[in-house]
C-alpha atoms as a PDB file:
ATOM      1  CA  UNK A   1      20.608  21.194  -3.937  1.00  0.00           C
ATOM      2  CA  UNK A   2      18.568  18.882  -2.947  1.00  0.00           C
ATOM      3  CA  UNK A   3      19.143  16.220  -0.731  1.00  0.00           C
ATOM      4  CA  UNK A   4      16.242  14.132  -2.967  1.00  0.00           C
ATOM      5  CA  UNK A   5      16.610  13.077  -6.381  1.00  0.00           C
ATOM      6  CA  UNK A   6      14.508  10.155  -8.541  1.00  0.00           C
ATOM      7  CA  UNK A   7      14.945   6.975  -7.279  1.00  0.00           C
ATOM      8  CA  UNK A   8      16.325   4.883 -10.844  1.00  0.00           C
ATOM      9  CA  UNK A   9      16.434   8.222 -12.699  1.00  0.00           C
ATOM     10  CA  UNK A  10      13.226   7.748 -12.846  1.00  0.00           C
ATOM     11  CA  UNK A  11      12.471   4.219 -14.952  1.00  0.00           C
ATOM     12  CA  UNK A  12      11.037   3.049 -11.555  1.00  0.00           C
ATOM     13  CA  UNK A  13       7.737   5.247 -12.596  1.00  0.00           C
ATOM     14  CA  UNK A  14       4.950   3.543 -14.019  1.00  0.00           C
ATOM     15  CA  UNK A  15       5.834  -0.352 -12.592  1.00  0.00           C
ATOM     16  CA  UNK A  16       4.928  -2.235 -11.287  1.00  0.00           C
ATOM     17  CA  UNK A  17       6.330  -3.248  -6.927  1.00  0.00           C
ATOM     18  CA  UNK A  18       6.790  -5.869  -5.640  1.00  0.00           C
ATOM     19  CA  UNK A  19       3.579  -5.898  -3.869  1.00  0.00           C
ATOM     20  CA  UNK A  20       1.883  -5.041  -7.244  1.00  0.00           C
ATOM     21  CA  UNK A  21       1.230  -1.793  -7.146  1.00  0.00           C
ATOM     22  CA  UNK A  22       2.161   1.107 -10.056  1.00  0.00           C
ATOM     23  CA  UNK A  23       4.298   2.580  -8.674  1.00  0.00           C
ATOM     24  CA  UNK A  24       3.906   6.612  -8.878  1.00  0.00           C
ATOM     25  CA  UNK A  25       6.441   8.783  -6.917  1.00  0.00           C
ATOM     26  CA  UNK A  26      10.020   7.212  -6.634  1.00  0.00           C
ATOM     27  CA  UNK A  27      12.744   9.622  -4.293  1.00  0.00           C
ATOM     28  CA  UNK A  28      16.397   8.018  -3.105  1.00  0.00           C
ATOM     29  CA  UNK A  29      18.094  10.470  -0.769  1.00  0.00           C
ATOM     30  CA  UNK A  30      21.279  10.705  -0.640  1.00  0.00           C
ATOM     31  CA  UNK A  31      22.398   8.979   2.933  1.00  0.00           C
ATOM     32  CA  UNK A  32      20.263   6.185   2.276  1.00  0.00           C
ATOM     33  CA  UNK A  33      17.021   6.258   2.374  1.00  0.00           C
ATOM     34  CA  UNK A  34      14.073   5.315   0.120  1.00  0.00           C
ATOM     35  CA  UNK A  35      10.517   6.501  -0.692  1.00  0.00           C
ATOM     36  CA  UNK A  36       7.557   5.485  -2.757  1.00  0.00           C
ATOM     37  CA  UNK A  37       3.772   5.534  -3.595  1.00  0.00           C
ATOM     38  CA  UNK A  38       2.391   3.153  -5.166  1.00  0.00           C
ATOM     39  CA  UNK A  39      -1.274   1.806  -5.589  1.00  0.00           C
ATOM     40  CA  UNK A  40      -2.288  -1.559  -6.348  1.00  0.00           C
ATOM     41  CA  UNK A  41      -6.160  -3.121  -6.275  1.00  0.00           C
ATOM     42  CA  UNK A  42      -7.680  -2.174  -3.602  1.00  0.00           C
ATOM     43  CA  UNK A  43      -4.328  -0.268  -1.578  1.00  0.00           C
ATOM     44  CA  UNK A  44      -2.347   2.279  -1.580  1.00  0.00           C
ATOM     45  CA  UNK A  45       0.931   2.934  -0.343  1.00  0.00           C
ATOM     46  CA  UNK A  46       3.454   4.781   1.078  1.00  0.00           C
ATOM     47  CA  UNK A  47       6.817   2.839   1.223  1.00  0.00           C
ATOM     48  CA  UNK A  48      10.020   4.003   4.041  1.00  0.00           C
ATOM     49  CA  UNK A  49      13.018   1.891   3.476  1.00  0.00           C
ATOM     50  CA  UNK A  50      16.875   3.470   5.827  1.00  0.00           C
ATOM     51  CA  UNK A  51      19.571   1.075   4.133  1.00  0.00           C
ATOM     52  CA  UNK A  52      20.649  -1.250   6.111  1.00  0.00           C
ATOM     53  CA  UNK A  53      18.189  -0.320   8.879  1.00  0.00           C
ATOM     54  CA  UNK A  54      14.519  -0.869   9.111  1.00  0.00           C
ATOM     55  CA  UNK A  55      11.583  -0.263   6.052  1.00  0.00           C
ATOM     56  CA  UNK A  56       8.334   1.328   6.895  1.00  0.00           C
ATOM     57  CA  UNK A  57       4.603   1.010   5.204  1.00  0.00           C
ATOM     58  CA  UNK A  58       2.049   3.265   5.583  1.00  0.00           C
ATOM     59  CA  UNK A  59      -0.818   2.161   3.742  1.00  0.00           C
ATOM     60  CA  UNK A  60      -4.587   4.576   3.426  1.00  0.00           C
ATOM     61  CA  UNK A  61      -8.155   4.800   1.390  1.00  0.00           C
ATOM     62  CA  UNK A  62      -6.825   7.590  -0.715  1.00  0.00           C
ATOM     63  CA  UNK A  63      -4.243   8.713  -2.911  1.00  0.00           C
ATOM     64  CA  UNK A  64      -5.082  12.597  -2.184  1.00  0.00           C
ATOM     65  CA  UNK A  65      -3.991  11.425   1.319  1.00  0.00           C
ATOM     66  CA  UNK A  66      -1.331   9.624  -0.025  1.00  0.00           C
ATOM     67  CA  UNK A  67       0.054  11.802  -1.424  1.00  0.00           C
ATOM     68  CA  UNK A  68      -0.363  15.180   1.460  1.00  0.00           C
ATOM     69  CA  UNK A  69       1.250  12.489   3.632  1.00  0.00           C
ATOM     70  CA  UNK A  70       3.887  11.525   1.295  1.00  0.00           C
ATOM     71  CA  UNK A  71       4.927  14.788   1.426  1.00  0.00           C
ATOM     72  CA  UNK A  72       4.949  15.050   4.755  1.00  0.00           C
ATOM     73  CA  UNK A  73       7.274  12.391   5.777  1.00  0.00           C
ATOM     74  CA  UNK A  74       9.836  13.006   2.992  1.00  0.00           C
ATOM     75  CA  UNK A  75      10.577  16.425   4.896  1.00  0.00           C
ATOM     76  CA  UNK A  76      10.610  14.515   7.961  1.00  0.00           C
ATOM     77  CA  UNK A  77      12.769  11.345   6.504  1.00  0.00           C
ATOM     78  CA  UNK A  78      14.972  13.273   5.659  1.00  0.00           C
ATOM     79  CA  UNK A  79      15.303  14.974   8.648  1.00  0.00           C
ATOM     80  CA  UNK A  80      15.677  11.885  10.458  1.00  0.00           C
ATOM     81  CA  UNK A  81      18.850  10.773   8.025  1.00  0.00           C
ATOM     82  CA  UNK A  82      20.993  13.997   8.470  1.00  0.00           C
ATOM     83  CA  UNK A  83      20.459  12.857  12.871  1.00  0.00           C
ATOM     84  CA  UNK A  84      21.356   9.219  11.577  1.00  0.00           C
ATOM     85  CA  UNK A  85      24.186  10.569   9.387  1.00  0.00           C
ATOM     86  CA  UNK A  86      25.434  13.174  12.526  1.00  0.00           C
ATOM     87  CA  UNK A  87      25.118  10.093  14.630  1.00  0.00           C
ATOM     88  CA  UNK A  88      28.708   8.957  14.812  1.00  0.00           C
ATOM     89  CA  UNK A  89      27.603   4.563  15.387  1.00  0.00           C
ATOM     90  CA  UNK A  90      25.326   5.704  18.181  1.00  0.00           C
ATOM     91  CA  UNK A  91      23.041   3.545  18.335  1.00  0.00           C
ATOM     92  CA  UNK A  92      21.219   4.809  20.382  1.00  0.00           C
ATOM     93  CA  UNK A  93      20.641   8.023  18.537  1.00  0.00           C
ATOM     94  CA  UNK A  94      19.851   6.266  15.035  1.00  0.00           C
ATOM     95  CA  UNK A  95      16.943   3.892  16.706  1.00  0.00           C
ATOM     96  CA  UNK A  96      15.813   6.948  18.518  1.00  0.00           C
ATOM     97  CA  UNK A  97      15.070   8.373  15.567  1.00  0.00           C
ATOM     98  CA  UNK A  98      13.871   5.723  13.438  1.00  0.00           C
ATOM     99  CA  UNK A  99      11.082   5.513  16.277  1.00  0.00           C
ATOM    100  CA  UNK A 100      10.278   8.530  16.304  1.00  0.00           C
ATOM    101  CA  UNK A 101       9.821   8.698  12.581  1.00  0.00           C
ATOM    102  CA  UNK A 102       7.407   5.199  13.186  1.00  0.00           C
ATOM    103  CA  UNK A 103       5.581   7.185  16.031  1.00  0.00           C
ATOM    104  CA  UNK A 104       4.324   9.944  14.360  1.00  0.00           C
ATOM    105  CA  UNK A 105       3.703   8.379  10.683  1.00  0.00           C
ATOM    106  CA  UNK A 106       2.096   5.380  12.062  1.00  0.00           C
END
């Protein structure tokens, strides 16, 4: 069984995000994260949210690049959520995991 599921039962797909982009893919991780791919006028972006911790957004020139990176980021984000969950509240381990994710996906 996947740790990922459609955000808001898939109701957000096709809607306009706060930044003005149309949401194409939108998933939530059971441990408290969300990843969204959206396209607007002049931009394609992937946003990752770790609830209560941080947000990270990347911009792309092509939808195909963003789709490829979405899949890689989704996997890495899921792995990072497991690290965060197992850190037992030790903030240094949590922020190390987040920092590594941001370095890998600038």
